N, C-alpha and C. Protein backbone atom coordinates (compact mmCIF):
# COMPACT_ATOMS: atom_id res chain seq x y z
N MET A 1 149.88 -131.85 55.07
CA MET A 1 150.64 -131.35 54.07
C MET A 1 149.08 -131.58 52.93
N TYR A 2 148.43 -132.06 52.24
CA TYR A 2 147.78 -132.28 51.36
C TYR A 2 146.05 -131.50 52.58
N GLU A 3 144.84 -131.23 51.57
CA GLU A 3 143.34 -131.72 51.97
C GLU A 3 143.13 -132.85 51.80
N LYS A 4 142.16 -133.51 51.98
CA LYS A 4 141.39 -134.81 52.19
C LYS A 4 141.85 -135.22 50.36
N HIS A 5 141.00 -134.51 49.47
CA HIS A 5 140.87 -134.17 48.02
C HIS A 5 142.30 -134.94 47.65
N GLY A 6 143.08 -133.81 47.58
CA GLY A 6 144.22 -134.06 46.97
C GLY A 6 145.18 -135.18 47.55
N ARG A 7 145.34 -135.52 49.24
CA ARG A 7 145.90 -137.14 49.72
C ARG A 7 145.67 -138.07 48.93
N GLY A 8 144.17 -138.10 48.54
CA GLY A 8 143.82 -138.80 47.86
C GLY A 8 144.13 -138.76 46.58
N GLU A 9 143.76 -138.08 45.50
CA GLU A 9 144.35 -138.58 44.51
C GLU A 9 145.87 -138.62 44.45
N VAL A 10 146.86 -137.67 45.22
CA VAL A 10 148.32 -138.17 45.16
C VAL A 10 148.35 -139.62 45.72
N ALA A 11 147.77 -140.07 46.47
CA ALA A 11 147.64 -141.67 46.21
C ALA A 11 147.28 -142.78 45.23
N SER A 12 146.09 -142.23 45.00
CA SER A 12 146.13 -143.55 43.32
C SER A 12 147.17 -142.51 42.26
N LEU A 13 147.55 -141.85 42.27
CA LEU A 13 148.63 -141.34 41.35
C LEU A 13 150.21 -142.38 41.77
N ILE A 14 150.27 -142.79 43.84
CA ILE A 14 151.37 -143.40 42.81
C ILE A 14 151.47 -144.24 42.71
N LEU A 15 150.05 -145.31 43.37
CA LEU A 15 149.54 -146.73 43.17
C LEU A 15 149.69 -146.69 41.18
N HIS A 16 148.69 -146.02 40.34
CA HIS A 16 149.04 -146.11 38.95
C HIS A 16 150.65 -146.33 39.54
N ALA A 17 151.70 -145.91 39.30
CA ALA A 17 152.56 -145.33 39.19
C ALA A 17 153.07 -147.28 39.46
N HIS A 18 152.80 -147.57 41.07
CA HIS A 18 153.23 -148.48 41.67
C HIS A 18 152.56 -149.77 40.18
N LEU A 19 152.03 -150.12 40.12
CA LEU A 19 150.90 -151.27 38.89
C LEU A 19 151.88 -150.54 37.28
N ILE A 20 152.68 -149.73 37.20
CA ILE A 20 152.82 -149.65 35.41
C ILE A 20 153.87 -150.16 35.67
N LYS A 21 154.71 -150.03 37.38
CA LYS A 21 156.40 -151.05 37.26
C LYS A 21 155.98 -151.82 37.17
N GLU A 22 155.24 -152.85 37.22
CA GLU A 22 154.30 -154.36 38.05
C GLU A 22 153.90 -154.48 35.84
N GLY A 23 154.52 -153.90 35.21
CA GLY A 23 153.92 -154.17 34.22
C GLY A 23 152.57 -153.96 33.43
N TYR A 24 151.37 -153.51 34.26
CA TYR A 24 150.02 -153.48 34.33
C TYR A 24 150.16 -152.02 33.41
N GLN A 25 148.60 -151.38 32.94
CA GLN A 25 148.59 -150.88 31.94
C GLN A 25 146.39 -150.99 33.09
N VAL A 26 146.86 -149.86 33.16
CA VAL A 26 146.14 -149.16 34.33
C VAL A 26 145.00 -147.95 34.26
N LEU A 27 144.07 -148.11 34.12
CA LEU A 27 142.64 -146.48 33.87
C LEU A 27 142.25 -146.10 34.95
N LYS A 28 141.41 -144.91 34.56
CA LYS A 28 141.27 -144.63 36.15
C LYS A 28 139.69 -144.41 35.46
N GLU A 29 138.97 -144.17 37.33
CA GLU A 29 138.07 -143.46 36.82
C GLU A 29 137.59 -142.25 36.86
N ASP A 30 136.96 -142.27 35.82
CA ASP A 30 136.71 -141.04 35.35
C ASP A 30 135.64 -139.86 35.94
N GLY A 31 134.78 -140.32 37.12
CA GLY A 31 134.80 -139.17 38.60
C GLY A 31 134.66 -139.21 39.94
N SER A 32 133.94 -138.98 40.50
CA SER A 32 134.86 -139.07 42.22
C SER A 32 134.72 -139.30 43.03
N GLN A 33 133.33 -140.23 42.55
CA GLN A 33 132.61 -141.05 44.16
C GLN A 33 132.02 -142.84 43.44
N GLY A 34 133.91 -143.01 42.33
CA GLY A 34 132.95 -144.11 42.19
C GLY A 34 133.86 -145.71 42.77
N ALA A 35 132.52 -146.71 42.33
CA ALA A 35 133.01 -147.90 43.17
C ALA A 35 134.74 -148.35 43.55
N ILE A 36 135.49 -148.13 41.86
CA ILE A 36 136.24 -148.47 41.86
C ILE A 36 136.84 -147.80 41.31
N ASP A 37 138.39 -147.48 42.32
CA ASP A 37 139.05 -146.37 41.64
C ASP A 37 140.37 -146.30 40.01
N LEU A 38 140.35 -147.46 40.09
CA LEU A 38 141.33 -147.83 38.81
C LEU A 38 141.16 -149.42 38.72
N VAL A 39 141.78 -149.54 37.33
CA VAL A 39 141.82 -151.10 36.77
C VAL A 39 142.67 -151.62 36.69
N ALA A 40 142.99 -152.86 36.99
CA ALA A 40 144.55 -153.17 35.83
C ALA A 40 145.01 -154.26 35.24
N ILE A 41 145.47 -154.19 34.19
CA ILE A 41 144.99 -155.00 33.56
C ILE A 41 147.04 -155.56 33.42
N HIS A 42 147.47 -156.60 33.24
CA HIS A 42 148.83 -156.96 33.03
C HIS A 42 149.44 -157.41 31.93
N LEU A 43 149.57 -156.93 30.99
CA LEU A 43 150.40 -156.79 29.32
C LEU A 43 150.19 -158.51 29.43
N GLU A 44 151.19 -159.43 29.81
CA GLU A 44 151.75 -160.13 29.60
C GLU A 44 151.44 -161.70 30.23
N THR A 45 149.73 -160.84 30.77
CA THR A 45 149.78 -162.61 31.43
C THR A 45 147.48 -162.23 30.81
N GLY A 46 147.45 -160.49 31.16
CA GLY A 46 146.07 -160.91 30.80
C GLY A 46 145.39 -160.78 32.32
N GLU A 47 145.82 -160.82 32.92
CA GLU A 47 145.55 -160.34 35.10
C GLU A 47 144.33 -159.71 34.64
N VAL A 48 143.13 -158.79 35.11
CA VAL A 48 142.34 -157.44 35.66
C VAL A 48 142.62 -157.61 36.65
N ARG A 49 142.93 -156.95 37.40
CA ARG A 49 143.03 -156.42 38.92
C ARG A 49 141.44 -155.00 39.22
N PHE A 50 141.29 -154.83 40.29
CA PHE A 50 140.53 -153.72 40.06
C PHE A 50 140.69 -153.13 41.85
N PHE A 51 141.05 -151.78 41.68
CA PHE A 51 141.27 -151.39 43.15
C PHE A 51 140.94 -149.67 43.36
N ASP A 52 140.37 -150.47 45.35
CA ASP A 52 139.63 -149.63 45.75
C ASP A 52 141.23 -147.72 46.89
N VAL A 53 141.43 -147.18 46.64
CA VAL A 53 142.29 -146.14 46.35
C VAL A 53 142.57 -146.21 48.33
N LYS A 54 143.37 -145.87 49.19
CA LYS A 54 142.90 -145.66 50.34
C LYS A 54 144.64 -145.18 50.65
N CYS A 55 144.49 -143.94 51.77
CA CYS A 55 145.28 -143.57 51.75
C CYS A 55 145.77 -143.42 53.03
N ILE A 56 146.75 -144.27 53.29
CA ILE A 56 146.78 -144.61 54.85
C ILE A 56 146.90 -144.50 55.77
N SER A 57 145.89 -144.22 56.87
CA SER A 57 145.91 -143.73 58.30
C SER A 57 146.07 -143.97 59.24
N ARG A 58 147.04 -143.45 60.68
CA ARG A 58 147.84 -144.34 62.03
C ARG A 58 146.36 -143.60 62.67
N ARG A 59 146.60 -144.75 63.92
CA ARG A 59 145.64 -144.31 64.83
C ARG A 59 146.86 -143.39 65.52
N GLN A 60 146.61 -142.91 66.77
CA GLN A 60 148.00 -142.06 67.46
C GLN A 60 149.13 -142.66 68.16
N ASP A 61 148.20 -143.72 68.93
CA ASP A 61 149.54 -145.24 68.77
C ASP A 61 150.33 -146.20 67.83
N GLY A 62 150.35 -145.35 66.58
CA GLY A 62 150.62 -145.72 65.31
C GLY A 62 150.75 -146.36 64.22
N THR A 63 149.33 -146.87 64.73
CA THR A 63 149.06 -148.05 64.28
C THR A 63 147.69 -147.72 63.64
N LYS A 64 147.88 -148.37 62.58
CA LYS A 64 147.21 -147.78 60.86
C LYS A 64 145.59 -148.65 61.25
N VAL A 65 144.93 -147.20 60.45
CA VAL A 65 143.70 -148.20 60.35
C VAL A 65 142.40 -148.69 59.16
N ASN A 66 142.56 -149.31 58.96
CA ASN A 66 142.05 -150.27 58.48
C ASN A 66 140.86 -150.08 57.11
N ARG A 67 140.45 -150.94 56.62
CA ARG A 67 139.15 -150.48 55.63
C ARG A 67 139.04 -151.02 54.84
N ILE A 68 137.11 -151.69 55.31
CA ILE A 68 136.72 -152.12 54.13
C ILE A 68 135.70 -151.63 53.85
N LEU A 69 135.08 -153.02 52.53
CA LEU A 69 134.51 -152.56 51.30
C LEU A 69 133.03 -152.32 51.31
N SER A 70 132.48 -151.28 51.05
CA SER A 70 131.16 -150.43 51.11
C SER A 70 130.13 -151.44 50.12
N GLU A 71 128.52 -151.12 51.16
CA GLU A 71 127.74 -151.85 51.12
C GLU A 71 127.98 -151.58 49.51
N ARG A 72 128.25 -150.93 48.50
CA ARG A 72 127.65 -150.70 47.26
C ARG A 72 129.17 -151.94 46.58
N GLN A 73 130.17 -151.38 47.09
CA GLN A 73 131.34 -151.93 46.43
C GLN A 73 130.78 -153.68 46.72
N ARG A 74 130.88 -153.85 48.33
CA ARG A 74 130.25 -155.70 48.17
C ARG A 74 129.65 -156.30 47.38
N GLN A 75 128.32 -156.09 46.48
CA GLN A 75 126.89 -155.55 45.87
C GLN A 75 127.66 -155.68 44.44
N LEU A 76 128.32 -154.75 43.62
CA LEU A 76 129.58 -154.85 42.31
C LEU A 76 130.51 -155.73 42.50
N GLU A 77 130.93 -156.54 44.03
CA GLU A 77 131.33 -157.57 43.35
C GLU A 77 130.78 -158.67 43.37
N THR A 78 128.56 -159.09 43.88
CA THR A 78 128.15 -160.41 44.37
C THR A 78 127.98 -160.55 42.23
N ASN A 79 127.87 -159.14 41.98
CA ASN A 79 126.45 -158.95 41.11
C ASN A 79 127.59 -158.91 39.60
N GLY A 80 128.80 -158.21 39.73
CA GLY A 80 129.39 -157.78 38.60
C GLY A 80 130.52 -160.01 38.78
N ASN A 81 130.72 -159.89 39.86
CA ASN A 81 131.52 -160.98 39.77
C ASN A 81 133.51 -161.20 39.38
N ILE A 82 133.77 -159.93 39.96
CA ILE A 82 134.32 -159.56 40.89
C ILE A 82 135.38 -159.41 41.85
N CYS A 83 136.68 -159.15 42.16
CA CYS A 83 137.25 -158.53 43.12
C CYS A 83 137.80 -157.49 43.75
N ILE A 84 137.30 -156.58 44.17
CA ILE A 84 138.16 -155.58 44.75
C ILE A 84 139.32 -155.13 45.70
N GLU A 85 139.96 -155.12 45.74
CA GLU A 85 141.51 -155.08 46.34
C GLU A 85 141.06 -153.28 47.02
N LEU A 86 141.84 -153.52 48.08
CA LEU A 86 141.88 -152.44 49.22
C LEU A 86 143.48 -151.88 49.02
N ALA A 87 143.42 -150.94 48.21
CA ALA A 87 145.18 -150.92 47.97
C ALA A 87 145.28 -149.40 49.31
N TYR A 88 146.48 -149.66 50.35
CA TYR A 88 146.50 -148.62 50.85
C TYR A 88 148.05 -148.28 50.46
N VAL A 89 148.15 -146.21 50.07
CA VAL A 89 149.10 -145.67 50.28
C VAL A 89 149.87 -145.08 50.86
N ASP A 90 150.64 -145.10 51.90
CA ASP A 90 151.53 -143.68 51.99
C ASP A 90 152.31 -142.16 51.71
N THR A 91 151.11 -141.94 51.53
CA THR A 91 151.80 -140.66 50.01
C THR A 91 152.49 -139.30 50.50
N GLU A 92 153.88 -139.87 51.68
CA GLU A 92 154.53 -139.23 52.68
C GLU A 92 155.49 -140.20 52.29
N THR A 93 155.59 -141.63 52.51
CA THR A 93 156.31 -142.16 51.93
C THR A 93 157.12 -143.04 51.14
N TYR A 94 155.28 -143.15 50.03
CA TYR A 94 155.21 -143.38 48.74
C TYR A 94 154.99 -145.29 48.73
N GLU A 95 155.10 -145.93 50.24
CA GLU A 95 154.48 -147.63 50.06
C GLU A 95 153.87 -148.08 49.52
N VAL A 96 153.23 -148.57 48.97
CA VAL A 96 151.95 -149.22 48.22
C VAL A 96 151.84 -150.58 49.73
N GLN A 97 150.84 -150.53 49.81
CA GLN A 97 150.04 -151.96 50.65
C GLN A 97 148.90 -151.89 49.85
N ILE A 98 148.95 -153.84 49.21
CA ILE A 98 148.10 -154.26 48.43
C ILE A 98 147.77 -155.31 49.51
N PRO A 99 147.11 -155.92 50.97
CA PRO A 99 146.90 -156.96 51.74
C PRO A 99 145.98 -157.99 51.64
N LYS A 100 146.78 -159.42 51.54
CA LYS A 100 145.27 -160.23 50.54
C LYS A 100 144.72 -160.01 51.84
N ARG A 101 142.92 -160.79 51.47
CA ARG A 101 142.08 -160.86 51.52
C ARG A 101 141.16 -161.66 52.28
N ARG A 102 140.64 -161.68 54.01
CA ARG A 102 140.91 -163.46 54.35
C ARG A 102 138.99 -163.62 54.03
N LYS A 103 138.12 -162.82 53.31
CA LYS A 103 137.16 -163.40 53.59
C LYS A 103 137.22 -162.60 52.17
N THR A 104 137.01 -164.29 51.43
CA THR A 104 136.45 -165.47 50.12
C THR A 104 135.16 -164.12 49.39
N SER A 105 135.86 -163.35 48.56
CA SER A 105 134.41 -163.06 47.72
C SER A 105 133.96 -164.16 46.82
N LYS A 106 132.35 -163.43 45.97
CA LYS A 106 131.84 -164.61 45.22
C LYS A 106 133.05 -165.14 44.20
N TYR A 107 133.09 -164.01 44.04
CA TYR A 107 134.15 -164.68 42.77
C TYR A 107 135.69 -165.10 43.10
N GLU A 108 135.99 -164.82 44.38
CA GLU A 108 137.63 -166.06 44.14
C GLU A 108 137.21 -167.76 44.56
N LYS A 109 135.45 -167.57 45.12
CA LYS A 109 135.38 -169.29 45.54
C LYS A 109 135.71 -169.52 43.79
N ASP A 110 135.11 -168.17 42.65
CA ASP A 110 134.16 -169.03 41.61
C ASP A 110 135.77 -169.44 41.03
N GLN A 111 136.60 -168.22 41.08
CA GLN A 111 138.16 -169.10 40.45
C GLN A 111 138.51 -170.47 41.40
N GLU A 112 138.32 -170.49 42.40
CA GLU A 112 138.68 -171.70 43.09
C GLU A 112 138.51 -172.96 42.20
N ALA A 113 137.16 -172.77 42.12
CA ALA A 113 136.26 -173.99 41.27
C ALA A 113 136.50 -174.40 40.62
N ALA A 114 137.05 -173.12 39.61
CA ALA A 114 137.64 -173.18 38.32
C ALA A 114 139.05 -174.31 37.86
């Protein structure tokens, strides 16, 4: 359907629209290889969220392929005291999945302590 870059761009736009519907102002990175694809700021609460957008990929048996943060992203989380969320987007059905992370980042630990 789309080439790889095209699918990624479509997925980013779908997530962008999804977040706007949830009341966020969305800022998009200006390059193609950034550690963070989107930054979303909730207009009422001021909550700031950082996203890495992934197209949903499935194995032959239909199960979803899960991704992990890159080393660069993990370092950014630690050094910048932020939490990067992986957002999975199906470019055919427009479904958006933002799973809760099992492993707690330094940022999340600091937020729980506060």
